[in-house]
Every structure is written in C-alpha cells, then in structure tokens.
Amino acid sequence: MKGRYLVYILLSFSCLFPFSVNAECDYQRKAELSRIASNVQFSYNYDENNNFTVNITNLTDDIYIKYEDYATLYDQFIRGGNEAQLVIPSGATVKFSIYSADNSCPDTFILEKYVSTPKYNSYSESEECKRNPEFKYCQKWMDTTVTQTKFDTELAEYKNSLNDDRDNLSSDKSVISLLFELLKENFVVIIILIIFVIVFALFVIYIKLKKKRRRS
C-alpha cells in the first residue's frame, strides 16, 4: 500500500509541473532567438571555377543552421562559431533553415533564408561578345537562360541599332561639314553682307532720330 501511495504522490507532482523542463522557453526568449537568427548574414564571392563561396557570419551557440547539400542532397548542419563557409555552384538556390540550439527551446524552428547565385553566361566568352561587350547578353552573369536563337536574333537587332546610330552621326557630321565649307568659301561675301546690314540699321536709326528732333 505504501508503495502505491508513493506512486500516486509522484504522479501528482508530475501533473503539477508538466512543463518544468521547458519552462524558460517563453515569448521573450523566442523573440531574443529570432533577433539572433535575423542577424545572421549571408554573402558570396566568385571563386573562378564557376562556383561561389558562401560566407555565413554572426553565428552564435544559441542557434544552428540546417541546409541541403547541393551535391549530395543530404541535410548538413552548421553549429557554433562566429562564421562558416561553403561552396555552391552558379545558378543555385540554397535554403538555410535556422533552429534554436538553446536548451530552453531545443530544435525550435526560427526562420529561413535563401541564397541564390547568378547563372554563368557561356556566351560571354564567344567572339561575338568580345566584339560587342556592351550587348545585354554578353555579361558574365545573368539571372535568366537565353537560347541560341534568341541570342542571335537580338544580337542582330543590336548591331543594326549601332549602325543606325553611326549613320545618323555621320549624317549630322556631313551637314555640319557642308555648312562649314559654305561659310569658308563665301567668307568675304558674308562679311560684306554683315557690314551692309549694320550700316543700314545705323542709317535707319539716324533717320528716325533726325525726324524726332525736328518734331521737338
């Protein structure tokens, strides 16, 4: 009987304190963990092998990160430390899920962050792109995939627009050159006309002033 009463007493105490283990995982602690997770920064650098090194900073022991390895497709974990690095290819998108590593809120999901690297543009090394580096599809990195047909069509349109600009510029220069030649060839005549206009204007002014004096 005493043993049975002891069991009842222990069960009663367990009912009174069912959440004693995670009693500290309150709203305030969750908000603090959310702030810590939000401070984690992701950046990447090109490593010259069409891959990118992702730099993860502001890590703390309060959290850990889970992500799917791009090569093996297995979940990987980043724990502790202030920063970490991993390599991902161009044109990839990796999801990083941040969880609590705090004993008061163990394995509690906090937030997700995504890192997307630009796609390497194979056209950028073509002879056409070397001759037309300003063409929009000749940049080394792009966010979209361009078919060969689209590339060729829009490159032809780009070249035509350049030719039109050159033709317009050449036409403008031709007009300016023609005017300059006319001025050069008729310089004496133009000077005589300017002098004539000035003398005529002065004569008209003189006549008007003379008439005005007579009336007064």
Protein backbone atom coordinates (compact mmCIF):
# COMPACT_ATOMS: atom_id res chain seq x y z
CA MET A 1 0.00 0.00 0.00
CA LYS A 2 2.78 2.41 0.92
CA GLY A 3 4.39 1.81 -2.45
CA ARG A 4 1.12 2.53 -4.22
CA TYR A 5 0.67 5.77 -2.27
CA LEU A 6 4.21 6.79 -3.20
CA VAL A 7 3.43 6.27 -6.90
CA TYR A 8 0.28 8.39 -6.59
CA ILE A 9 2.24 11.16 -4.89
CA LEU A 10 4.89 11.16 -7.64
CA LEU A 11 2.24 11.21 -10.37
CA SER A 12 0.53 14.14 -8.66
CA PHE A 13 3.77 16.11 -8.61
CA SER A 14 4.41 15.32 -12.29
CA CYS A 15 0.95 16.68 -13.14
CA LEU A 16 1.60 19.84 -11.20
CA PHE A 17 4.85 20.53 -13.12
CA PRO A 18 4.35 19.13 -16.66
CA PHE A 19 6.42 21.78 -18.42
CA SER A 20 9.19 22.27 -15.92
CA VAL A 21 11.89 21.23 -18.44
CA ASN A 22 10.99 23.91 -20.99
CA ALA A 23 9.69 26.50 -18.54
CA GLU A 24 12.16 29.11 -19.82
CA CYS A 25 11.08 28.89 -23.50
CA ASP A 26 8.73 31.83 -23.19
CA TYR A 27 7.83 34.62 -25.61
CA GLN A 28 10.74 36.79 -24.52
CA ARG A 29 13.30 34.05 -25.15
CA LYS A 30 11.79 33.21 -28.54
CA ALA A 31 11.94 36.90 -29.50
CA GLU A 32 15.60 37.02 -28.49
CA LEU A 33 16.37 33.91 -30.56
CA SER A 34 14.53 35.44 -33.51
CA ARG A 35 16.68 38.56 -33.22
CA ILE A 36 19.85 36.44 -33.10
CA ALA A 37 18.77 34.48 -36.18
CA SER A 38 17.89 37.67 -38.07
CA ASN A 39 21.43 38.96 -37.52
CA VAL A 40 22.95 36.03 -39.41
CA GLN A 41 24.36 37.40 -42.68
CA PHE A 42 24.88 35.54 -45.97
CA SER A 43 27.19 36.77 -48.74
CA TYR A 44 29.10 35.08 -51.56
CA ASN A 45 32.25 35.51 -53.64
CA TYR A 46 33.10 34.08 -57.05
CA ASP A 47 35.98 31.58 -56.82
CA GLU A 48 36.92 31.49 -60.56
CA ASN A 49 35.71 27.89 -61.04
CA ASN A 50 32.12 28.84 -61.84
CA ASN A 51 31.43 28.27 -58.14
CA PHE A 52 30.69 30.62 -55.28
CA THR A 53 31.94 30.60 -51.71
CA VAL A 54 29.07 31.45 -49.37
CA ASN A 55 30.16 33.28 -46.24
CA ILE A 56 27.89 32.98 -43.19
CA THR A 57 28.62 35.38 -40.33
CA ASN A 58 27.18 36.39 -36.95
CA LEU A 59 26.64 32.79 -35.87
CA THR A 60 26.28 32.06 -32.14
CA ASP A 61 25.96 28.99 -29.95
CA ASP A 62 22.27 29.83 -29.43
CA ILE A 63 21.33 28.65 -32.93
CA TYR A 64 22.27 26.16 -35.62
CA ILE A 65 21.60 26.02 -39.38
CA LYS A 66 20.32 23.14 -41.48
CA TYR A 67 20.66 23.13 -45.26
CA GLU A 68 20.55 20.61 -48.10
CA ASP A 69 23.95 19.95 -49.61
CA TYR A 70 23.75 20.79 -53.30
CA ALA A 71 25.97 17.89 -54.37
CA THR A 72 24.80 15.02 -52.15
CA LEU A 73 21.24 16.28 -51.43
CA TYR A 74 21.76 15.28 -47.78
CA ASP A 75 20.97 17.61 -44.90
CA GLN A 76 24.01 19.30 -43.43
CA PHE A 77 24.34 21.26 -40.19
CA ILE A 78 26.32 24.31 -39.16
CA ARG A 79 26.74 24.65 -35.42
CA GLY A 80 28.51 27.14 -33.18
CA GLY A 81 31.28 29.53 -34.10
CA ASN A 82 31.07 33.06 -35.41
CA GLU A 83 31.27 32.30 -39.15
CA ALA A 84 31.26 29.45 -41.65
CA GLN A 85 31.81 28.88 -45.38
CA LEU A 86 30.52 26.51 -48.02
CA VAL A 87 30.84 26.26 -51.81
CA ILE A 88 27.83 26.18 -54.14
CA PRO A 89 27.72 26.32 -57.98
CA SER A 90 26.44 29.17 -60.12
CA GLY A 91 22.71 29.30 -60.76
CA ALA A 92 21.90 27.53 -57.49
CA THR A 93 19.41 28.37 -54.75
CA VAL A 94 20.03 27.02 -51.26
CA LYS A 95 17.57 27.20 -48.38
CA PHE A 96 19.05 27.74 -44.92
CA SER A 97 16.74 26.86 -42.02
CA ILE A 98 17.74 28.32 -38.65
CA TYR A 99 16.83 26.49 -35.44
CA SER A 100 17.31 27.12 -31.75
CA ALA A 101 20.22 25.32 -30.09
CA ASP A 102 19.24 26.68 -26.69
CA ASN A 103 18.38 24.07 -24.08
CA SER A 104 15.30 26.04 -23.09
CA CYS A 105 13.91 25.89 -26.66
CA PRO A 106 15.62 22.87 -28.23
CA ASP A 107 15.33 22.44 -32.02
CA THR A 108 12.69 25.16 -32.30
CA PHE A 109 12.41 26.43 -35.89
CA ILE A 110 13.04 30.18 -36.11
CA LEU A 111 13.28 31.31 -39.74
CA GLU A 112 14.51 30.54 -43.27
CA LYS A 113 16.89 32.39 -45.53
CA TYR A 114 17.66 31.74 -49.20
CA VAL A 115 20.88 32.33 -51.12
CA SER A 116 20.69 32.37 -54.94
CA THR A 117 23.81 32.68 -57.06
CA PRO A 118 23.73 34.16 -60.59
CA LYS A 119 24.00 31.90 -63.62
CA TYR A 120 27.24 31.80 -65.57
CA ASN A 121 26.71 33.04 -69.13
CA SER A 122 28.65 30.84 -71.55
CA TYR A 123 28.03 33.37 -74.37
CA SER A 124 30.27 35.88 -72.59
CA GLU A 125 33.39 34.13 -73.91
CA SER A 126 32.20 33.98 -77.54
CA GLU A 127 33.85 36.01 -80.30
CA GLU A 128 30.62 37.95 -80.83
CA CYS A 129 30.63 39.08 -77.21
CA LYS A 130 34.29 40.04 -77.39
CA ARG A 131 33.40 42.29 -80.34
CA ASN A 132 30.20 43.56 -78.68
CA PRO A 133 30.92 43.65 -74.92
CA GLU A 134 28.05 46.10 -74.24
CA PHE A 135 25.40 43.75 -75.62
CA LYS A 136 22.98 42.80 -72.81
CA TYR A 137 23.50 39.05 -73.26
CA CYS A 138 27.28 39.33 -73.14
CA GLN A 139 27.51 39.90 -69.40
CA LYS A 140 29.37 37.23 -67.45
CA TRP A 141 26.46 36.60 -65.07
CA MET A 142 22.74 36.56 -65.83
CA ASP A 143 19.55 35.71 -63.98
CA THR A 144 17.87 34.08 -66.99
CA THR A 145 18.70 31.43 -69.59
CA VAL A 146 18.95 32.60 -73.21
CA THR A 147 18.57 30.26 -76.17
CA GLN A 148 20.94 30.45 -79.13
CA THR A 149 18.10 31.65 -81.37
CA LYS A 150 17.19 34.50 -79.01
CA PHE A 151 20.84 35.45 -78.63
CA ASP A 152 21.43 35.59 -82.41
CA THR A 153 18.18 37.48 -83.12
CA GLU A 154 18.71 40.17 -80.51
CA LEU A 155 22.39 40.50 -81.33
CA ALA A 156 21.45 41.23 -84.97
CA GLU A 157 18.98 43.87 -83.79
CA TYR A 158 21.65 45.35 -81.51
CA LYS A 159 24.14 45.59 -84.40
CA ASN A 160 21.52 47.25 -86.63
CA SER A 161 20.80 49.83 -83.95
CA LEU A 162 24.53 50.60 -83.71
CA ASN A 163 24.72 51.02 -87.49
CA ASP A 164 21.71 53.36 -87.44
CA ASP A 165 23.36 55.45 -84.72
CA ARG A 166 26.57 55.62 -86.73
CA ASP A 167 24.65 56.61 -89.88
CA ASN A 168 22.80 59.37 -88.00
CA LEU A 169 26.04 60.63 -86.51
CA SER A 170 27.72 60.54 -89.90
CA SER A 171 24.76 62.43 -91.41
CA ASP A 172 24.94 65.11 -88.71
CA LYS A 173 28.65 65.48 -89.30
CA SER A 174 28.06 65.76 -93.05
CA VAL A 175 25.57 68.62 -92.57
CA ILE A 176 27.95 70.46 -90.22
CA SER A 177 30.84 69.93 -92.61
CA LEU A 178 28.75 71.27 -95.53
CA LEU A 179 27.80 74.42 -93.60
CA PHE A 180 31.39 74.94 -92.60
CA GLU A 181 32.54 74.63 -96.21
CA LEU A 182 29.88 77.10 -97.37
CA LEU A 183 30.98 79.60 -94.74
CA LYS A 184 34.59 79.09 -95.68
CA GLU A 185 34.00 79.53 -99.41
CA ASN A 186 31.76 82.59 -99.04
CA PHE A 187 33.52 84.23 -96.12
CA VAL A 188 34.10 87.56 -97.93
CA VAL A 189 30.51 87.77 -99.15
CA ILE A 190 29.16 87.05 -95.67
CA ILE A 191 31.35 89.75 -94.10
CA ILE A 192 30.16 92.29 -96.71
CA LEU A 193 26.51 91.37 -96.01
CA ILE A 194 27.04 91.74 -92.26
CA ILE A 195 28.63 95.17 -92.75
CA PHE A 196 25.80 96.21 -95.07
CA VAL A 197 23.17 95.17 -92.52
CA ILE A 198 24.94 97.07 -89.74
CA VAL A 199 25.32 100.23 -91.87
CA PHE A 200 21.69 100.03 -92.98
CA ALA A 201 20.49 99.61 -89.39
CA LEU A 202 22.57 102.59 -88.26
CA PHE A 203 21.21 104.67 -91.17
CA VAL A 204 17.61 103.83 -90.23
CA ILE A 205 18.29 104.77 -86.61
CA TYR A 206 19.87 108.06 -87.70
CA ILE A 207 16.85 108.98 -89.87
CA LYS A 208 14.41 108.25 -87.02
CA LEU A 209 16.40 110.31 -84.54
CA LYS A 210 16.60 113.22 -87.02
CA LYS A 211 12.83 113.20 -87.56
CA LYS A 212 12.25 113.09 -83.82
CA ARG A 213 14.44 116.21 -83.30
CA ARG A 214 12.57 118.16 -85.96
CA ARG A 215 9.23 117.47 -84.31
CA SER A 216 10.54 118.58 -80.98
